[in-house]
Amino acid sequence: MIRITDTIAIDEREIEESFVRASGPGGQNVNKVATAVRLRFDVRGSPSLPQEVRQRLERLAGNRLTAEGVLVINAQRHRTQERNRADALERLVALIRAAAPAGSPRRATKVPAAERRRRRESKRRRGALKKLRGGGLDEI
């Protein structure tokens, strides 16, 4: 079990890893060894995630989420398979952690009376200024 938060933990069997050849550093090794990791996690089919977390995760994932609801994370920053695996897993955990806390509900607040008074006063001044400008057709 991979512990995400105090209440959320996902089973390792829910994560699917495949190894592909990476671009970037590695020289000749890059052409021979599959060091990049493609991690897949079925967000919609995961029994470990509560419904609210699942919805927030789908929004956060953006274009990393397939049409079927599978989150795909590609990791190829490092030259070894093991470090890329750890990197992909860390990124998955960080993404789920970001989706875990519910945002606090917005509390409606009243506009202070002094602010309303200042706004009305500035509107009154602006209107008086515009009234002074008016000449109309009488000047022709």
C-alpha atoms as a PDB file:
ATOM      1  CA  MET A   1       0.000   0.000   0.000  1.00  0.00           C
ATOM      2  CA  ILE A   2       1.213   3.455  -0.916  1.00  0.00           C
ATOM      3  CA  ARG A   3       0.182   5.949   1.739  1.00  0.00           C
ATOM      4  CA  ILE A   4      -1.021   9.243   0.237  1.00  0.00           C
ATOM      5  CA  THR A   5      -2.662  10.923   3.235  1.00  0.00           C
ATOM      6  CA  ASP A   6      -3.904   9.724   6.624  1.00  0.00           C
ATOM      7  CA  THR A   7      -7.152   8.551   5.037  1.00  0.00           C
ATOM      8  CA  ILE A   8      -6.073   7.642   1.483  1.00  0.00           C
ATOM      9  CA  ALA A   9      -3.805   4.769   0.476  1.00  0.00           C
ATOM     10  CA  ILE A  10      -3.608   3.099  -2.941  1.00  0.00           C
ATOM     11  CA  ASP A  11      -2.657  -0.483  -3.667  1.00  0.00           C
ATOM     12  CA  GLU A  12       0.483  -1.090  -5.766  1.00  0.00           C
ATOM     13  CA  ARG A  13      -1.602  -3.372  -8.023  1.00  0.00           C
ATOM     14  CA  GLU A  14      -3.621  -0.331  -9.171  1.00  0.00           C
ATOM     15  CA  ILE A  15      -0.473   1.136 -10.750  1.00  0.00           C
ATOM     16  CA  GLU A  16       0.787  -0.194 -14.053  1.00  0.00           C
ATOM     17  CA  GLU A  17       4.369   0.547 -15.104  1.00  0.00           C
ATOM     18  CA  SER A  18       5.980   0.037 -18.479  1.00  0.00           C
ATOM     19  CA  PHE A  19       9.479   0.910 -19.575  1.00  0.00           C
ATOM     20  CA  VAL A  20      10.290   2.668 -22.834  1.00  0.00           C
ATOM     21  CA  ARG A  21      13.382   4.178 -24.380  1.00  0.00           C
ATOM     22  CA  ALA A  22      14.042   7.698 -23.214  1.00  0.00           C
ATOM     23  CA  SER A  23      15.352  10.722 -25.011  1.00  0.00           C
ATOM     24  CA  GLY A  24      17.887  12.984 -23.372  1.00  0.00           C
ATOM     25  CA  PRO A  25      21.078  12.168 -21.431  1.00  0.00           C
ATOM     26  CA  GLY A  26      22.631   8.749 -21.547  1.00  0.00           C
ATOM     27  CA  GLY A  27      24.746   8.645 -24.698  1.00  0.00           C
ATOM     28  CA  GLN A  28      24.804   5.297 -26.440  1.00  0.00           C
ATOM     29  CA  ASN A  29      22.980   3.770 -23.458  1.00  0.00           C
ATOM     30  CA  VAL A  30      19.840   5.685 -24.501  1.00  0.00           C
ATOM     31  CA  ASN A  31      19.580   3.627 -27.685  1.00  0.00           C
ATOM     32  CA  LYS A  32      19.943   0.272 -25.925  1.00  0.00           C
ATOM     33  CA  VAL A  33      18.161   0.416 -22.573  1.00  0.00           C
ATOM     34  CA  ALA A  34      14.541   1.288 -21.784  1.00  0.00           C
ATOM     35  CA  THR A  35      15.018   3.611 -18.813  1.00  0.00           C
ATOM     36  CA  ALA A  36      11.978   5.871 -19.132  1.00  0.00           C
ATOM     37  CA  VAL A  37       8.912   4.890 -17.110  1.00  0.00           C
ATOM     38  CA  ARG A  38       5.308   5.233 -18.256  1.00  0.00           C
ATOM     39  CA  LEU A  39       3.115   4.961 -15.172  1.00  0.00           C
ATOM     40  CA  ARG A  40      -0.633   4.382 -15.649  1.00  0.00           C
ATOM     41  CA  PHE A  41      -3.231   4.782 -12.902  1.00  0.00           C
ATOM     42  CA  ASP A  42      -6.945   4.232 -13.515  1.00  0.00           C
ATOM     43  CA  VAL A  43      -8.490   7.205 -11.718  1.00  0.00           C
ATOM     44  CA  ARG A  44     -12.131   6.361 -12.503  1.00  0.00           C
ATOM     45  CA  GLY A  45     -11.744   2.675 -11.663  1.00  0.00           C
ATOM     46  CA  SER A  46      -9.752   3.062  -8.447  1.00  0.00           C
ATOM     47  CA  PRO A  47     -11.574   1.778  -5.351  1.00  0.00           C
ATOM     48  CA  SER A  48      -9.045   3.561  -3.110  1.00  0.00           C
ATOM     49  CA  LEU A  49     -10.084   7.111  -3.989  1.00  0.00           C
ATOM     50  CA  PRO A  50     -13.183   8.835  -2.583  1.00  0.00           C
ATOM     51  CA  GLN A  51     -15.516  10.308  -5.230  1.00  0.00           C
ATOM     52  CA  GLU A  52     -14.653  13.969  -4.421  1.00  0.00           C
ATOM     53  CA  VAL A  53     -10.897  13.313  -4.650  1.00  0.00           C
ATOM     54  CA  ARG A  54     -11.432  11.432  -7.925  1.00  0.00           C
ATOM     55  CA  GLN A  55     -13.278  14.419  -9.446  1.00  0.00           C
ATOM     56  CA  ARG A  56     -10.662  16.941  -8.294  1.00  0.00           C
ATOM     57  CA  LEU A  57      -7.861  14.672  -9.566  1.00  0.00           C
ATOM     58  CA  GLU A  58      -9.494  14.457 -12.998  1.00  0.00           C
ATOM     59  CA  ARG A  59      -9.590  18.266 -13.144  1.00  0.00           C
ATOM     60  CA  LEU A  60      -5.975  18.607 -11.952  1.00  0.00           C
ATOM     61  CA  ALA A  61      -4.610  15.947 -14.318  1.00  0.00           C
ATOM     62  CA  GLY A  62      -5.586  17.898 -17.435  1.00  0.00           C
ATOM     63  CA  ASN A  63      -4.172  16.401 -20.622  1.00  0.00           C
ATOM     64  CA  ARG A  64      -2.400  13.617 -18.700  1.00  0.00           C
ATOM     65  CA  LEU A  65      -5.788  11.932 -18.343  1.00  0.00           C
ATOM     66  CA  THR A  66      -6.998   9.724 -21.208  1.00  0.00           C
ATOM     67  CA  ALA A  67     -10.603   9.596 -22.408  1.00  0.00           C
ATOM     68  CA  GLU A  68     -11.038   6.358 -20.418  1.00  0.00           C
ATOM     69  CA  GLY A  69      -9.983   8.100 -17.193  1.00  0.00           C
ATOM     70  CA  VAL A  70      -6.465   6.672 -16.980  1.00  0.00           C
ATOM     71  CA  LEU A  71      -3.774   9.008 -15.652  1.00  0.00           C
ATOM     72  CA  VAL A  72      -0.492   8.631 -17.575  1.00  0.00           C
ATOM     73  CA  ILE A  73       2.764   9.950 -16.111  1.00  0.00           C
ATOM     74  CA  ASN A  74       5.982   9.762 -18.151  1.00  0.00           C
ATOM     75  CA  ALA A  75       9.241   9.961 -16.217  1.00  0.00           C
ATOM     76  CA  GLN A  76      12.580  10.202 -18.037  1.00  0.00           C
ATOM     77  CA  ARG A  77      14.522  12.823 -16.081  1.00  0.00           C
ATOM     78  CA  HIS A  78      17.104  10.339 -14.788  1.00  0.00           C
ATOM     79  CA  ARG A  79      19.453   7.858 -16.437  1.00  0.00           C
ATOM     80  CA  THR A  80      18.343   4.826 -14.446  1.00  0.00           C
ATOM     81  CA  GLN A  81      15.094   2.920 -14.455  1.00  0.00           C
ATOM     82  CA  GLU A  82      14.894   2.861 -10.674  1.00  0.00           C
ATOM     83  CA  ARG A  83      15.227   6.637 -10.262  1.00  0.00           C
ATOM     84  CA  ASN A  84      12.645   7.212 -13.005  1.00  0.00           C
ATOM     85  CA  ARG A  85      10.253   4.783 -11.276  1.00  0.00           C
ATOM     86  CA  ALA A  86      10.653   6.666  -7.994  1.00  0.00           C
ATOM     87  CA  ASP A  87      10.183   9.997  -9.793  1.00  0.00           C
ATOM     88  CA  ALA A  88       6.970   8.840 -11.502  1.00  0.00           C
ATOM     89  CA  LEU A  89       5.580   7.509  -8.230  1.00  0.00           C
ATOM     90  CA  GLU A  90       6.448  10.737  -6.384  1.00  0.00           C
ATOM     91  CA  ARG A  91       4.662  12.757  -9.055  1.00  0.00           C
ATOM     92  CA  LEU A  92       1.565  10.547  -8.804  1.00  0.00           C
ATOM     93  CA  VAL A  93       1.491  10.857  -5.005  1.00  0.00           C
ATOM     94  CA  ALA A  94       1.967  14.643  -5.220  1.00  0.00           C
ATOM     95  CA  LEU A  95      -0.897  14.944  -7.703  1.00  0.00           C
ATOM     96  CA  ILE A  96      -3.261  12.884  -5.552  1.00  0.00           C
ATOM     97  CA  ARG A  97      -2.218  14.853  -2.445  1.00  0.00           C
ATOM     98  CA  ALA A  98      -3.009  18.093  -4.273  1.00  0.00           C
ATOM     99  CA  ALA A  99      -6.477  16.744  -5.090  1.00  0.00           C
ATOM    100  CA  ALA A 100      -7.120  15.398  -1.573  1.00  0.00           C
ATOM    101  CA  PRO A 101      -8.006  18.486   0.501  1.00  0.00           C
ATOM    102  CA  ALA A 102     -11.417  19.966  -0.127  1.00  0.00           C
ATOM    103  CA  GLY A 103     -11.367  23.704  -0.684  1.00  0.00           C
ATOM    104  CA  SER A 104     -12.986  25.680   2.092  1.00  0.00           C
ATOM    105  CA  PRO A 105     -16.388  27.070   1.104  1.00  0.00           C
ATOM    106  CA  ARG A 106     -16.539  30.762   0.305  1.00  0.00           C
ATOM    107  CA  ARG A 107     -18.207  32.887   2.931  1.00  0.00           C
ATOM    108  CA  ALA A 108     -20.197  35.823   1.604  1.00  0.00           C
ATOM    109  CA  THR A 109     -19.179  39.098   3.214  1.00  0.00           C
ATOM    110  CA  LYS A 110     -20.976  42.425   3.227  1.00  0.00           C
ATOM    111  CA  VAL A 111     -19.394  45.484   1.660  1.00  0.00           C
ATOM    112  CA  PRO A 112     -18.614  47.908   4.522  1.00  0.00           C
ATOM    113  CA  ALA A 113     -20.854  50.959   4.848  1.00  0.00           C
ATOM    114  CA  ALA A 114     -17.880  53.364   4.587  1.00  0.00           C
ATOM    115  CA  GLU A 115     -16.877  51.732   1.271  1.00  0.00           C
ATOM    116  CA  ARG A 116     -20.411  52.127  -0.122  1.00  0.00           C
ATOM    117  CA  ARG A 117     -20.445  55.775   1.004  1.00  0.00           C
ATOM    118  CA  ARG A 118     -17.052  56.489  -0.672  1.00  0.00           C
ATOM    119  CA  ARG A 119     -18.231  54.814  -3.897  1.00  0.00           C
ATOM    120  CA  ARG A 120     -21.453  56.889  -4.019  1.00  0.00           C
ATOM    121  CA  GLU A 121     -19.496  60.075  -3.279  1.00  0.00           C
ATOM    122  CA  SER A 122     -17.001  59.419  -6.089  1.00  0.00           C
ATOM    123  CA  LYS A 123     -19.906  58.710  -8.493  1.00  0.00           C
ATOM    124  CA  ARG A 124     -21.543  61.979  -7.426  1.00  0.00           C
ATOM    125  CA  ARG A 125     -18.312  63.949  -8.024  1.00  0.00           C
ATOM    126  CA  ARG A 126     -17.775  62.293 -11.414  1.00  0.00           C
ATOM    127  CA  GLY A 127     -21.369  63.081 -12.460  1.00  0.00           C
ATOM    128  CA  ALA A 128     -20.998  66.738 -11.379  1.00  0.00           C
ATOM    129  CA  LEU A 129     -17.760  67.020 -13.408  1.00  0.00           C
ATOM    130  CA  LYS A 130     -19.449  65.617 -16.494  1.00  0.00           C
ATOM    131  CA  LYS A 131     -22.416  67.964 -16.020  1.00  0.00           C
ATOM    132  CA  LEU A 132     -20.010  70.958 -16.039  1.00  0.00           C
ATOM    133  CA  ARG A 133     -18.598  69.895 -19.400  1.00  0.00           C
ATOM    134  CA  GLY A 134     -21.936  69.879 -21.197  1.00  0.00           C
ATOM    135  CA  GLY A 135     -22.506  72.715 -23.601  1.00  0.00           C
ATOM    136  CA  GLY A 136     -24.945  71.161 -25.937  1.00  0.00           C
ATOM    137  CA  LEU A 137     -26.281  72.774 -29.094  1.00  0.00           C
ATOM    138  CA  ASP A 138     -26.814  76.230 -27.525  1.00  0.00           C
ATOM    139  CA  GLU A 139     -23.314  77.383 -28.520  1.00  0.00           C
ATOM    140  CA  ILE A 140     -23.828  77.091 -32.302  1.00  0.00           C
END
